[in-house]
């Protein structure tokens, strides 16, 4: 439970990065789905670094190993992004404000991302 709480804390920082970009990009005329993609790209690296160093206190080192681990993190996050975009699209097209839809979509995919990263990316078996 402690790791999930840390994961969520790190995620809150990522959510702030994501929502800020989604808001500003959409307000200047960018399609909200494209804004969400840019927000995702900005938040994913931040989240990887903090989850590696703090949440999972992962000791994997070396450029090759870190790159492989980042690739796993990014893969899990891409799958989560796919789920996120589906929720975002249907909620927004259903009449919910795009920022509220994005927040709901992020919350809806948090569990999947945590499990995938805990067991596959960071190799924890607990």
Foldseek 3Di string as FASTA:
>chain_A
DQLLVQLVVLVVVLLVQLLVQLVVCVVVPDDSLVSNVVSLVVSQVSSLVCCCCPSLVADDDDPVLSVVLSVQLVVQSVVLSVQLSVQLVVVVVVPDPSSVSNVVSCVVSSVSSVVSCCCPSRNDDD
